[in-house]
Amino acid sequence: MPRHFDLKIQAGGFASVMKLSAFTLLLFFIAVTLVMASLIGHFRTVPHISEYAYWLMTAAFGVLTFGIIFKGRTG
């Protein structure tokens, strides 16, 4: 089983490859889920999500920061 996953991102004429371990990949998907919930709660009225949209976005940035701190650690 590979220890790292390569996520290739292309924007315009630039390409970047992020090497994500299983732990940081999990944190990345948790952060993306929190951001999507926050955006949905901001633009639509959804009970409990709309009133905490700001805090969901803040939590997503916190999870991404946590993933950056532990980048490359697999254990």
C-alpha atoms as a PDB file:
ATOM      1  CA  MET A   1       0.000   0.000   0.000  1.00  0.00           C
ATOM      2  CA  PRO A   2       1.506   3.380  -0.936  1.00  0.00           C
ATOM      3  CA  ARG A   3       2.515   5.681   1.890  1.00  0.00           C
ATOM      4  CA  HIS A   4       1.726   8.839  -0.075  1.00  0.00           C
ATOM      5  CA  PHE A   5      -0.900   9.863  -2.594  1.00  0.00           C
ATOM      6  CA  ASP A   6      -0.170  12.325  -5.388  1.00  0.00           C
ATOM      7  CA  LEU A   7      -2.844  14.950  -6.011  1.00  0.00           C
ATOM      8  CA  LYS A   8      -2.170  16.872  -9.222  1.00  0.00           C
ATOM      9  CA  ILE A   9      -3.626  20.370  -9.445  1.00  0.00           C
ATOM     10  CA  GLN A  10      -3.638  22.386 -12.679  1.00  0.00           C
ATOM     11  CA  ALA A  11      -4.603  26.041 -12.810  1.00  0.00           C
ATOM     12  CA  GLY A  12      -3.970  28.088 -15.912  1.00  0.00           C
ATOM     13  CA  GLY A  13      -0.547  27.166 -17.244  1.00  0.00           C
ATOM     14  CA  PHE A  14       0.775  25.979 -13.895  1.00  0.00           C
ATOM     15  CA  ALA A  15       0.721  22.462 -12.468  1.00  0.00           C
ATOM     16  CA  SER A  16       1.472  21.352  -8.943  1.00  0.00           C
ATOM     17  CA  VAL A  17       1.636  17.945  -7.293  1.00  0.00           C
ATOM     18  CA  MET A  18       0.772  17.595  -3.620  1.00  0.00           C
ATOM     19  CA  LYS A  19       2.103  14.499  -1.870  1.00  0.00           C
ATOM     20  CA  LEU A  20      -0.456  13.555   0.755  1.00  0.00           C
ATOM     21  CA  SER A  21      -0.095  10.806   3.331  1.00  0.00           C
ATOM     22  CA  ALA A  22      -3.202   8.905   4.378  1.00  0.00           C
ATOM     23  CA  PHE A  23      -3.552  11.084   7.493  1.00  0.00           C
ATOM     24  CA  THR A  24      -3.225  14.401   5.649  1.00  0.00           C
ATOM     25  CA  LEU A  25      -5.508  13.136   2.861  1.00  0.00           C
ATOM     26  CA  LEU A  26      -8.181  12.431   5.469  1.00  0.00           C
ATOM     27  CA  LEU A  27      -7.726  15.923   6.942  1.00  0.00           C
ATOM     28  CA  PHE A  28      -7.893  17.449   3.463  1.00  0.00           C
ATOM     29  CA  PHE A  29     -11.248  15.775   2.734  1.00  0.00           C
ATOM     30  CA  ILE A  30     -12.622  16.749   6.166  1.00  0.00           C
ATOM     31  CA  ALA A  31     -11.660  20.379   5.474  1.00  0.00           C
ATOM     32  CA  VAL A  32     -13.252  20.284   2.012  1.00  0.00           C
ATOM     33  CA  THR A  33     -16.455  18.855   3.511  1.00  0.00           C
ATOM     34  CA  LEU A  34     -16.549  21.612   6.145  1.00  0.00           C
ATOM     35  CA  VAL A  35     -15.995  24.306   3.503  1.00  0.00           C
ATOM     36  CA  MET A  36     -18.764  22.912   1.295  1.00  0.00           C
ATOM     37  CA  ALA A  37     -21.173  22.772   4.262  1.00  0.00           C
ATOM     38  CA  SER A  38     -20.234  26.347   5.152  1.00  0.00           C
ATOM     39  CA  LEU A  39     -20.836  27.609   1.624  1.00  0.00           C
ATOM     40  CA  ILE A  40     -24.151  25.788   1.347  1.00  0.00           C
ATOM     41  CA  GLY A  41     -25.193  27.238   4.699  1.00  0.00           C
ATOM     42  CA  HIS A  42     -24.176  30.720   3.602  1.00  0.00           C
ATOM     43  CA  PHE A  43     -26.128  30.748   0.335  1.00  0.00           C
ATOM     44  CA  ARG A  44     -29.107  28.587   1.376  1.00  0.00           C
ATOM     45  CA  THR A  45     -31.109  28.496   4.568  1.00  0.00           C
ATOM     46  CA  VAL A  46     -30.305  25.181   6.222  1.00  0.00           C
ATOM     47  CA  PRO A  47     -31.144  24.693   9.908  1.00  0.00           C
ATOM     48  CA  HIS A  48     -28.070  24.590  12.178  1.00  0.00           C
ATOM     49  CA  ILE A  49     -25.658  24.946   9.246  1.00  0.00           C
ATOM     50  CA  SER A  50     -26.654  28.472   8.245  1.00  0.00           C
ATOM     51  CA  GLU A  51     -26.227  29.873  11.731  1.00  0.00           C
ATOM     52  CA  TYR A  52     -22.759  28.304  12.114  1.00  0.00           C
ATOM     53  CA  ALA A  53     -21.433  28.912   8.585  1.00  0.00           C
ATOM     54  CA  TYR A  54     -18.638  31.191   9.836  1.00  0.00           C
ATOM     55  CA  TRP A  55     -17.517  28.666  12.442  1.00  0.00           C
ATOM     56  CA  LEU A  56     -17.598  25.809   9.928  1.00  0.00           C
ATOM     57  CA  MET A  57     -15.271  27.791   7.656  1.00  0.00           C
ATOM     58  CA  THR A  58     -13.021  28.619  10.612  1.00  0.00           C
ATOM     59  CA  ALA A  59     -12.906  24.941  11.575  1.00  0.00           C
ATOM     60  CA  ALA A  60     -11.989  24.020   7.984  1.00  0.00           C
ATOM     61  CA  PHE A  61      -9.027  26.401   8.082  1.00  0.00           C
ATOM     62  CA  GLY A  62      -8.051  24.954  11.460  1.00  0.00           C
ATOM     63  CA  VAL A  63      -8.129  21.419  10.066  1.00  0.00           C
ATOM     64  CA  LEU A  64      -5.994  22.506   7.086  1.00  0.00           C
ATOM     65  CA  THR A  65      -3.514  24.159   9.465  1.00  0.00           C
ATOM     66  CA  PHE A  66      -3.380  20.974  11.524  1.00  0.00           C
ATOM     67  CA  GLY A  67      -2.709  19.007   8.320  1.00  0.00           C
ATOM     68  CA  ILE A  68       0.146  21.344   7.374  1.00  0.00           C
ATOM     69  CA  ILE A  69       1.719  20.972  10.822  1.00  0.00           C
ATOM     70  CA  PHE A  70       1.637  17.171  10.568  1.00  0.00           C
ATOM     71  CA  LYS A  71       2.528  17.017   6.859  1.00  0.00           C
ATOM     72  CA  GLY A  72       4.583  13.948   6.003  1.00  0.00           C
ATOM     73  CA  ARG A  73       3.953  12.104   9.264  1.00  0.00           C
ATOM     74  CA  THR A  74       2.392   8.703   8.744  1.00  0.00           C
ATOM     75  CA  GLY A  75       2.172   7.296  12.251  1.00  0.00           C
END
